Amino acid sequence: MIEPPQRESYDIVVIGAGPAGASSAQAAAQKGAKVLIIDRRQRIGVPVQCADFVPQWISRYVQFSSKCVLQTIETMVTHLPDKISYEMRSPGYMLDRSLFDKELVASAIVSGAKISIETRAMGLSSEGLVVEQGSKKEMIRSKVFIGADGVHSFISRCIGQPSPKTIVALQYEVVLPKPQNHVEVFFHKDYEGGYAWFFPKGRTANVGMGVIPQKTTLLLKLTDHFLDYLVESKRLSGVEIIAKTGGSIPCEKPRKTVFENILLVG
């Protein structure tokens, strides 16, 4: 078997340029480590697979510009299956996640990290990480590898870790007739194992739902019914969809995150 050619070696290679990966890379680079981030996407921050709401305390740990904030949030209203609703103070931000992710990666690079986009992890062994960029395969050696490649982590699979429990989510971005400064979460017996959300962000809102994987075939119908309810309850004047996304949401934390020279984050 012919070994792929080798790139230069690093102290730390981070697989995945989302918030966890970028933050890890920045922290390591600031301490003087030689860091490389790889990401399989063509553009950092795209596609967005997030409802975009984060608590205000995130600003204690991550620096980002005001341009990333689409709207501030003051309260969260939780609607329970028995039709009782609770409102609680929940200061936070609705983010432009694409810009947010790009800013975090930019901060890591300014701190000294390198990045390689359109680069897919293909194999991990004691020799290093095999990556593919276009038609070219290379071996990258590193003292430490950080798997920050999401809920369906390739690095996690390489070290034999079981997939986490997840719910399957569908989200629409819809036009919002009037602004509101609170987010809403809905629990219902039909949303088995999950919930629905209505998160305003200026002139639009993220409307979505997550359910257990066994109910995936019902997700589209349930989400459409939820949209109808939002119209009936006057939260929306109609359903005008300008974007759609979906994905898996982890429902449990990893049982273990450190494996010799491999760390799982995010």
C-alpha atoms as a PDB file:
ATOM      1  CA  MET A   1       0.000   0.000   0.000  1.00  0.00           C
ATOM      2  CA  ILE A   2       1.402   3.377  -0.986  1.00  0.00           C
ATOM      3  CA  GLU A   3       1.420   5.873   1.862  1.00  0.00           C
ATOM      4  CA  PRO A   4       0.018   9.345   1.049  1.00  0.00           C
ATOM      5  CA  PRO A   5       2.560  12.165   0.962  1.00  0.00           C
ATOM      6  CA  GLN A   6       3.094  14.007   4.236  1.00  0.00           C
ATOM      7  CA  ARG A   7       2.392  17.621   5.061  1.00  0.00           C
ATOM      8  CA  GLU A   8       4.392  19.376   7.735  1.00  0.00           C
ATOM      9  CA  SER A   9       3.636  18.248  11.273  1.00  0.00           C
ATOM     10  CA  TYR A  10       1.784  20.218  13.942  1.00  0.00           C
ATOM     11  CA  ASP A  11       1.316  20.348  17.668  1.00  0.00           C
ATOM     12  CA  ILE A  12      -2.472  20.296  17.301  1.00  0.00           C
ATOM     13  CA  VAL A  13      -4.766  19.552  14.369  1.00  0.00           C
ATOM     14  CA  VAL A  14      -8.411  20.535  14.809  1.00  0.00           C
ATOM     15  CA  ILE A  15     -10.958  18.747  12.656  1.00  0.00           C
ATOM     16  CA  GLY A  16     -13.990  21.019  12.209  1.00  0.00           C
ATOM     17  CA  ALA A  17     -14.153  24.832  12.092  1.00  0.00           C
ATOM     18  CA  GLY A  18     -17.350  25.391  14.031  1.00  0.00           C
ATOM     19  CA  PRO A  19     -17.404  27.368  17.307  1.00  0.00           C
ATOM     20  CA  ALA A  20     -15.872  24.561  19.381  1.00  0.00           C
ATOM     21  CA  GLY A  21     -13.116  23.882  16.872  1.00  0.00           C
ATOM     22  CA  ALA A  22     -12.287  27.524  16.280  1.00  0.00           C
ATOM     23  CA  SER A  23     -12.246  28.288  20.013  1.00  0.00           C
ATOM     24  CA  SER A  24      -9.974  25.301  20.680  1.00  0.00           C
ATOM     25  CA  ALA A  25      -7.624  26.385  17.907  1.00  0.00           C
ATOM     26  CA  GLN A  26      -7.480  29.958  19.164  1.00  0.00           C
ATOM     27  CA  ALA A  27      -6.790  28.913  22.764  1.00  0.00           C
ATOM     28  CA  ALA A  28      -3.991  26.575  21.671  1.00  0.00           C
ATOM     29  CA  ALA A  29      -2.445  29.091  19.261  1.00  0.00           C
ATOM     30  CA  GLN A  30      -2.454  31.774  21.952  1.00  0.00           C
ATOM     31  CA  LYS A  31      -0.356  29.431  24.105  1.00  0.00           C
ATOM     32  CA  GLY A  32       2.200  29.120  21.324  1.00  0.00           C
ATOM     33  CA  ALA A  33       1.117  25.795  19.809  1.00  0.00           C
ATOM     34  CA  LYS A  34       1.491  25.165  16.083  1.00  0.00           C
ATOM     35  CA  VAL A  35      -2.144  24.632  15.059  1.00  0.00           C
ATOM     36  CA  LEU A  36      -3.929  23.591  11.876  1.00  0.00           C
ATOM     37  CA  ILE A  37      -7.716  23.658  11.426  1.00  0.00           C
ATOM     38  CA  ILE A  38      -9.224  21.549   8.672  1.00  0.00           C
ATOM     39  CA  ASP A  39     -12.819  21.765   7.487  1.00  0.00           C
ATOM     40  CA  ARG A  40     -14.559  19.911   4.673  1.00  0.00           C
ATOM     41  CA  ARG A  41     -16.742  22.862   3.654  1.00  0.00           C
ATOM     42  CA  GLN A  42     -16.041  25.405   0.921  1.00  0.00           C
ATOM     43  CA  ARG A  43     -17.171  28.282   3.123  1.00  0.00           C
ATOM     44  CA  ILE A  44     -16.850  28.589   6.876  1.00  0.00           C
ATOM     45  CA  GLY A  45     -20.220  29.080   8.557  1.00  0.00           C
ATOM     46  CA  VAL A  46     -22.259  27.655   5.668  1.00  0.00           C
ATOM     47  CA  PRO A  47     -24.655  25.910   5.757  1.00  0.00           C
ATOM     48  CA  VAL A  48     -26.101  27.166   9.029  1.00  0.00           C
ATOM     49  CA  GLN A  49     -27.650  24.369  11.074  1.00  0.00           C
ATOM     50  CA  CYS A  50     -28.665  26.204  14.215  1.00  0.00           C
ATOM     51  CA  ALA A  51     -31.662  27.994  15.712  1.00  0.00           C
ATOM     52  CA  ASP A  52     -29.270  30.926  16.396  1.00  0.00           C
ATOM     53  CA  PHE A  53     -30.283  31.728  19.996  1.00  0.00           C
ATOM     54  CA  VAL A  54     -27.491  31.838  22.597  1.00  0.00           C
ATOM     55  CA  PRO A  55     -27.572  32.982  26.235  1.00  0.00           C
ATOM     56  CA  GLN A  56     -25.996  36.330  27.047  1.00  0.00           C
ATOM     57  CA  TRP A  57     -23.286  34.701  29.182  1.00  0.00           C
ATOM     58  CA  ILE A  58     -21.607  33.368  26.034  1.00  0.00           C
ATOM     59  CA  SER A  59     -19.909  36.774  25.787  1.00  0.00           C
ATOM     60  CA  ARG A  60     -17.883  35.886  28.911  1.00  0.00           C
ATOM     61  CA  TYR A  61     -16.107  33.168  26.962  1.00  0.00           C
ATOM     62  CA  VAL A  62     -16.149  34.261  23.325  1.00  0.00           C
ATOM     63  CA  GLN A  63     -15.380  37.623  21.781  1.00  0.00           C
ATOM     64  CA  PHE A  64     -17.501  38.611  18.784  1.00  0.00           C
ATOM     65  CA  SER A  65     -18.549  41.869  17.187  1.00  0.00           C
ATOM     66  CA  SER A  66     -21.957  43.499  17.478  1.00  0.00           C
ATOM     67  CA  LYS A  67     -22.422  42.761  13.761  1.00  0.00           C
ATOM     68  CA  CYS A  68     -23.033  39.134  14.726  1.00  0.00           C
ATOM     69  CA  VAL A  69     -26.065  40.077  16.856  1.00  0.00           C
ATOM     70  CA  LEU A  70     -29.277  40.232  14.849  1.00  0.00           C
ATOM     71  CA  GLN A  71     -31.434  40.875  17.884  1.00  0.00           C
ATOM     72  CA  THR A  72     -31.279  40.857  21.668  1.00  0.00           C
ATOM     73  CA  ILE A  73     -33.687  38.646  23.589  1.00  0.00           C
ATOM     74  CA  GLU A  74     -35.103  39.428  27.022  1.00  0.00           C
ATOM     75  CA  THR A  75     -37.340  36.494  27.993  1.00  0.00           C
ATOM     76  CA  MET A  76     -38.219  32.911  27.103  1.00  0.00           C
ATOM     77  CA  VAL A  77     -41.788  31.583  27.170  1.00  0.00           C
ATOM     78  CA  THR A  78     -42.135  27.816  27.618  1.00  0.00           C
ATOM     79  CA  HIS A  79     -45.454  26.232  26.620  1.00  0.00           C
ATOM     80  CA  LEU A  80     -46.191  22.858  28.214  1.00  0.00           C
ATOM     81  CA  PRO A  81     -48.513  20.088  26.951  1.00  0.00           C
ATOM     82  CA  ASP A  82     -51.150  20.948  29.597  1.00  0.00           C
ATOM     83  CA  LYS A  83     -51.449  24.400  27.957  1.00  0.00           C
ATOM     84  CA  ILE A  84     -49.771  26.126  30.883  1.00  0.00           C
ATOM     85  CA  SER A  85     -47.099  28.644  29.882  1.00  0.00           C
ATOM     86  CA  TYR A  86     -44.189  29.977  31.910  1.00  0.00           C
ATOM     87  CA  GLU A  87     -42.245  33.144  31.174  1.00  0.00           C
ATOM     88  CA  MET A  88     -38.783  33.612  32.580  1.00  0.00           C
ATOM     89  CA  ARG A  89     -36.032  36.124  32.148  1.00  0.00           C
ATOM     90  CA  SER A  90     -33.586  34.716  29.609  1.00  0.00           C
ATOM     91  CA  PRO A  91     -31.298  37.445  28.257  1.00  0.00           C
ATOM     92  CA  GLY A  92     -29.506  36.416  25.113  1.00  0.00           C
ATOM     93  CA  TYR A  93     -28.817  37.030  21.457  1.00  0.00           C
ATOM     94  CA  MET A  94     -30.099  35.878  18.127  1.00  0.00           C
ATOM     95  CA  LEU A  95     -26.926  35.529  16.103  1.00  0.00           C
ATOM     96  CA  ASP A  96     -25.924  35.666  12.499  1.00  0.00           C
ATOM     97  CA  ARG A  97     -24.320  32.244  12.908  1.00  0.00           C
ATOM     98  CA  SER A  98     -22.498  32.336   9.597  1.00  0.00           C
ATOM     99  CA  LEU A  99     -20.737  35.590  10.499  1.00  0.00           C
ATOM    100  CA  PHE A 100     -20.221  34.426  14.092  1.00  0.00           C
ATOM    101  CA  ASP A 101     -18.422  31.278  12.918  1.00  0.00           C
ATOM    102  CA  LYS A 102     -16.264  33.249  10.480  1.00  0.00           C
ATOM    103  CA  GLU A 103     -15.242  35.707  13.189  1.00  0.00           C
ATOM    104  CA  LEU A 104     -14.201  32.889  15.539  1.00  0.00           C
ATOM    105  CA  VAL A 105     -12.095  31.273  12.817  1.00  0.00           C
ATOM    106  CA  ALA A 106     -10.572  34.645  11.933  1.00  0.00           C
ATOM    107  CA  SER A 107      -9.645  35.164  15.598  1.00  0.00           C
ATOM    108  CA  ALA A 108      -7.937  31.755  15.658  1.00  0.00           C
ATOM    109  CA  ILE A 109      -5.957  32.605  12.526  1.00  0.00           C
ATOM    110  CA  VAL A 110      -4.934  36.004  13.895  1.00  0.00           C
ATOM    111  CA  SER A 111      -3.722  34.147  16.991  1.00  0.00           C
ATOM    112  CA  GLY A 112      -1.450  32.033  14.796  1.00  0.00           C
ATOM    113  CA  ALA A 113      -3.503  29.035  13.645  1.00  0.00           C
ATOM    114  CA  LYS A 114      -3.555  27.891  10.007  1.00  0.00           C
ATOM    115  CA  ILE A 115      -6.652  26.689   8.144  1.00  0.00           C
ATOM    116  CA  SER A 116      -7.299  24.334   5.243  1.00  0.00           C
ATOM    117  CA  ILE A 117     -10.838  24.360   3.803  1.00  0.00           C
ATOM    118  CA  GLU A 118     -12.355  21.748   1.487  1.00  0.00           C
ATOM    119  CA  THR A 119     -10.263  19.231   3.387  1.00  0.00           C
ATOM    120  CA  ARG A 120     -11.918  16.020   4.523  1.00  0.00           C
ATOM    121  CA  ALA A 121     -10.589  13.663   7.216  1.00  0.00           C
ATOM    122  CA  MET A 122     -10.374  10.176   5.683  1.00  0.00           C
ATOM    123  CA  GLY A 123      -8.482   8.082   8.214  1.00  0.00           C
ATOM    124  CA  LEU A 124      -6.791   8.286  11.596  1.00  0.00           C
ATOM    125  CA  SER A 125      -4.026   6.037  12.863  1.00  0.00           C
ATOM    126  CA  SER A 126      -0.900   6.125  14.984  1.00  0.00           C
ATOM    127  CA  GLU A 127       0.894   7.451  11.881  1.00  0.00           C
ATOM    128  CA  GLY A 128      -1.354  10.518  11.633  1.00  0.00           C
ATOM    129  CA  LEU A 129      -4.468  11.843   9.947  1.00  0.00           C
ATOM    130  CA  VAL A 130      -5.118  11.087   6.284  1.00  0.00           C
ATOM    131  CA  VAL A 131      -6.958  13.970   4.604  1.00  0.00           C
ATOM    132  CA  GLU A 132      -8.362  14.470   1.144  1.00  0.00           C
ATOM    133  CA  GLN A 133      -8.432  17.813  -0.650  1.00  0.00           C
ATOM    134  CA  GLY A 134      -9.864  17.493  -4.117  1.00  0.00           C
ATOM    135  CA  SER A 135      -8.115  14.534  -5.742  1.00  0.00           C
ATOM    136  CA  LYS A 136      -5.086  14.811  -3.463  1.00  0.00           C
ATOM    137  CA  LYS A 137      -4.544  12.755  -0.316  1.00  0.00           C
ATOM    138  CA  GLU A 138      -2.006  13.648   2.355  1.00  0.00           C
ATOM    139  CA  MET A 139      -0.916  12.456   5.768  1.00  0.00           C
ATOM    140  CA  ILE A 140      -0.797  15.050   8.559  1.00  0.00           C
ATOM    141  CA  ARG A 141       1.191  14.280  11.692  1.00  0.00           C
ATOM    142  CA  SER A 142       0.330  15.955  14.976  1.00  0.00           C
ATOM    143  CA  LYS A 143       0.969  15.528  18.669  1.00  0.00           C
ATOM    144  CA  VAL A 144      -2.736  16.046  19.397  1.00  0.00           C
ATOM    145  CA  PHE A 145      -5.916  15.748  17.330  1.00  0.00           C
ATOM    146  CA  ILE A 146      -9.119  17.564  18.333  1.00  0.00           C
ATOM    147  CA  GLY A 147     -12.358  16.208  16.895  1.00  0.00           C
ATOM    148  CA  ALA A 148     -14.745  19.135  16.569  1.00  0.00           C
ATOM    149  CA  ASP A 149     -16.597  17.729  13.588  1.00  0.00           C
ATOM    150  CA  GLY A 150     -20.145  17.696  14.884  1.00  0.00           C
ATOM    151  CA  VAL A 151     -22.769  15.275  16.058  1.00  0.00           C
ATOM    152  CA  HIS A 152     -21.835  12.686  13.419  1.00  0.00           C
ATOM    153  CA  SER A 153     -18.125  13.018  14.187  1.00  0.00           C
ATOM    154  CA  PHE A 154     -15.768  11.049  11.954  1.00  0.00           C
ATOM    155  CA  ILE A 155     -13.033  11.308  14.580  1.00  0.00           C
ATOM    156  CA  SER A 156     -15.370   9.882  17.219  1.00  0.00           C
ATOM    157  CA  ARG A 157     -16.125   6.916  14.954  1.00  0.00           C
ATOM    158  CA  CYS A 158     -12.410   6.378  14.316  1.00  0.00           C
ATOM    159  CA  ILE A 159     -11.843   5.734  18.010  1.00  0.00           C
ATOM    160  CA  GLY A 160     -14.866   3.475  18.314  1.00  0.00           C
ATOM    161  CA  GLN A 161     -17.197   5.777  20.178  1.00  0.00           C
ATOM    162  CA  PRO A 162     -20.954   5.146  19.891  1.00  0.00           C
ATOM    163  CA  SER A 163     -23.106   7.749  18.186  1.00  0.00           C
ATOM    164  CA  PRO A 164     -24.918  10.000  20.688  1.00  0.00           C
ATOM    165  CA  LYS A 165     -28.660   9.960  21.058  1.00  0.00           C
ATOM    166  CA  THR A 166     -30.159  12.645  18.840  1.00  0.00           C
ATOM    167  CA  ILE A 167     -33.381  14.206  17.719  1.00  0.00           C
ATOM    168  CA  VAL A 168     -33.987  15.021  14.071  1.00  0.00           C
ATOM    169  CA  ALA A 169     -34.795  18.667  13.376  1.00  0.00           C
ATOM    170  CA  LEU A 170     -36.362  20.712  10.598  1.00  0.00           C
ATOM    171  CA  GLN A 171     -36.294  24.518  10.581  1.00  0.00           C
ATOM    172  CA  TYR A 172     -37.718  27.265   8.393  1.00  0.00           C
ATOM    173  CA  GLU A 173     -36.812  30.927   8.354  1.00  0.00           C
ATOM    174  CA  VAL A 174     -40.058  32.830   7.856  1.00  0.00           C
ATOM    175  CA  VAL A 175     -41.030  36.479   7.474  1.00  0.00           C
ATOM    176  CA  LEU A 176     -42.093  38.050  10.768  1.00  0.00           C
ATOM    177  CA  PRO A 177     -44.908  40.651  10.602  1.00  0.00           C
ATOM    178  CA  LYS A 178     -43.864  42.483  13.767  1.00  0.00           C
ATOM    179  CA  PRO A 179     -40.823  42.274  16.037  1.00  0.00           C
ATOM    180  CA  GLN A 180     -40.842  40.603  19.429  1.00  0.00           C
ATOM    181  CA  ASN A 181     -38.148  40.440  22.098  1.00  0.00           C
ATOM    182  CA  HIS A 182     -38.825  36.954  23.471  1.00  0.00           C
ATOM    183  CA  VAL A 183     -38.279  33.408  22.236  1.00  0.00           C
ATOM    184  CA  GLU A 184     -40.822  30.610  22.624  1.00  0.00           C
ATOM    185  CA  VAL A 185     -40.412  26.867  23.139  1.00  0.00           C
ATOM    186  CA  PHE A 186     -43.303  24.418  22.775  1.00  0.00           C
ATOM    187  CA  PHE A 187     -43.658  20.928  24.249  1.00  0.00           C
ATOM    188  CA  HIS A 188     -46.468  18.720  22.968  1.00  0.00           C
ATOM    189  CA  LYS A 189     -47.300  15.011  23.115  1.00  0.00           C
ATOM    190  CA  ASP A 190     -46.941  14.816  19.332  1.00  0.00           C
ATOM    191  CA  TYR A 191     -43.398  16.216  19.437  1.00  0.00           C
ATOM    192  CA  GLU A 192     -42.114  12.957  20.859  1.00  0.00           C
ATOM    193  CA  GLY A 193     -38.728  13.251  22.506  1.00  0.00           C
ATOM    194  CA  GLY A 194     -38.327  16.834  21.342  1.00  0.00           C
ATOM    195  CA  TYR A 195     -39.923  20.262  21.095  1.00  0.00           C
ATOM    196  CA  ALA A 196     -40.772  23.106  18.728  1.00  0.00           C
ATOM    197  CA  TRP A 197     -39.429  26.657  18.731  1.00  0.00           C
ATOM    198  CA  PHE A 198     -40.269  30.139  17.537  1.00  0.00           C
ATOM    199  CA  PHE A 199     -37.216  32.406  17.641  1.00  0.00           C
ATOM    200  CA  PRO A 200     -37.561  35.949  16.234  1.00  0.00           C
ATOM    201  CA  LYS A 201     -34.570  37.704  14.712  1.00  0.00           C
ATOM    202  CA  GLY A 202     -35.631  41.112  13.460  1.00  0.00           C
ATOM    203  CA  ARG A 203     -37.764  40.897  10.340  1.00  0.00           C
ATOM    204  CA  THR A 204     -37.671  37.101  10.213  1.00  0.00           C
ATOM    205  CA  ALA A 205     -37.975  34.219  12.675  1.00  0.00           C
ATOM    206  CA  ASN A 206     -36.575  30.712  12.946  1.00  0.00           C
ATOM    207  CA  VAL A 207     -39.422  28.222  13.301  1.00  0.00           C
ATOM    208  CA  GLY A 208     -38.552  24.603  13.815  1.00  0.00           C
ATOM    209  CA  MET A 209     -39.106  21.294  15.488  1.00  0.00           C
ATOM    210  CA  GLY A 210     -37.151  18.263  16.607  1.00  0.00           C
ATOM    211  CA  VAL A 211     -38.428  14.726  17.249  1.00  0.00           C
ATOM    212  CA  ILE A 212     -36.911  11.327  17.928  1.00  0.00           C
ATOM    213  CA  PRO A 213     -35.492   9.619  14.809  1.00  0.00           C
ATOM    214  CA  GLN A 214     -38.299   7.052  14.807  1.00  0.00           C
ATOM    215  CA  LYS A 215     -40.760   9.885  14.067  1.00  0.00           C
ATOM    216  CA  THR A 216     -38.756  11.404  11.205  1.00  0.00           C
ATOM    217  CA  THR A 217     -41.451  10.574   8.638  1.00  0.00           C
ATOM    218  CA  LEU A 218     -43.900  12.744  10.585  1.00  0.00           C
ATOM    219  CA  LEU A 219     -41.592  15.725  10.990  1.00  0.00           C
ATOM    220  CA  LEU A 220     -42.607  17.637   7.867  1.00  0.00           C
ATOM    221  CA  LYS A 221     -46.321  17.253   8.619  1.00  0.00           C
ATOM    222  CA  LEU A 222     -45.881  18.214  12.279  1.00  0.00           C
ATOM    223  CA  THR A 223     -43.833  21.284  11.367  1.00  0.00           C
ATOM    224  CA  ASP A 224     -46.455  22.387   8.838  1.00  0.00           C
ATOM    225  CA  HIS A 225     -49.153  22.032  11.511  1.00  0.00           C
ATOM    226  CA  PHE A 226     -47.000  24.085  13.877  1.00  0.00           C
ATOM    227  CA  LEU A 227     -46.722  26.822  11.255  1.00  0.00           C
ATOM    228  CA  ASP A 228     -50.522  26.786  10.900  1.00  0.00           C
ATOM    229  CA  TYR A 229     -50.824  27.200  14.673  1.00  0.00           C
ATOM    230  CA  LEU A 230     -48.476  30.193  14.621  1.00  0.00           C
ATOM    231  CA  VAL A 231     -50.719  31.818  12.002  1.00  0.00           C
ATOM    232  CA  GLU A 232     -53.894  31.006  13.957  1.00  0.00           C
ATOM    233  CA  SER A 233     -52.380  32.461  17.133  1.00  0.00           C
ATOM    234  CA  LYS A 234     -51.443  35.683  15.251  1.00  0.00           C
ATOM    235  CA  ARG A 235     -47.724  35.221  15.720  1.00  0.00           C
ATOM    236  CA  LEU A 236     -47.448  35.065  11.938  1.00  0.00           C
ATOM    237  CA  SER A 237     -49.681  36.796   9.404  1.00  0.00           C
ATOM    238  CA  GLY A 238     -48.903  34.072   6.873  1.00  0.00           C
ATOM    239  CA  VAL A 239     -46.244  31.538   6.017  1.00  0.00           C
ATOM    240  CA  GLU A 240     -43.586  33.000   3.762  1.00  0.00           C
ATOM    241  CA  ILE A 241     -40.523  30.736   3.869  1.00  0.00           C
ATOM    242  CA  ILE A 242     -37.208  32.257   2.799  1.00  0.00           C
ATOM    243  CA  ALA A 243     -34.830  29.521   4.007  1.00  0.00           C
ATOM    244  CA  LYS A 244     -34.869  25.918   5.156  1.00  0.00           C
ATOM    245  CA  THR A 245     -32.395  23.781   7.068  1.00  0.00           C
ATOM    246  CA  GLY A 246     -32.292  20.633   9.149  1.00  0.00           C
ATOM    247  CA  GLY A 247     -30.055  18.195  10.920  1.00  0.00           C
ATOM    248  CA  SER A 248     -29.480  16.261  14.111  1.00  0.00           C
ATOM    249  CA  ILE A 249     -29.413  17.694  17.632  1.00  0.00           C
ATOM    250  CA  PRO A 250     -27.428  15.717  20.247  1.00  0.00           C
ATOM    251  CA  CYS A 251     -29.363  14.847  23.396  1.00  0.00           C
ATOM    252  CA  GLU A 252     -26.531  13.561  25.541  1.00  0.00           C
ATOM    253  CA  LYS A 253     -22.970  14.500  26.263  1.00  0.00           C
ATOM    254  CA  PRO A 254     -20.107  12.166  25.346  1.00  0.00           C
ATOM    255  CA  ARG A 255     -19.351   9.551  27.978  1.00  0.00           C
ATOM    256  CA  LYS A 256     -15.649  10.255  27.499  1.00  0.00           C
ATOM    257  CA  THR A 257     -13.808  13.060  25.696  1.00  0.00           C
ATOM    258  CA  VAL A 258     -10.086  12.288  26.075  1.00  0.00           C
ATOM    259  CA  PHE A 259      -8.429   9.294  24.367  1.00  0.00           C
ATOM    260  CA  GLU A 260      -4.634   9.422  24.616  1.00  0.00           C
ATOM    261  CA  ASN A 261      -3.743  12.184  22.114  1.00  0.00           C
ATOM    262  CA  ILE A 262      -7.303  12.665  20.831  1.00  0.00           C
ATOM    263  CA  LEU A 263      -9.798  15.125  22.316  1.00  0.00           C
ATOM    264  CA  LEU A 264     -13.487  15.419  21.394  1.00  0.00           C
ATOM    265  CA  VAL A 265     -15.154  18.832  21.754  1.00  0.00           C
ATOM    266  CA  GLY A 266     -18.441  20.473  20.847  1.00  0.00           C
END
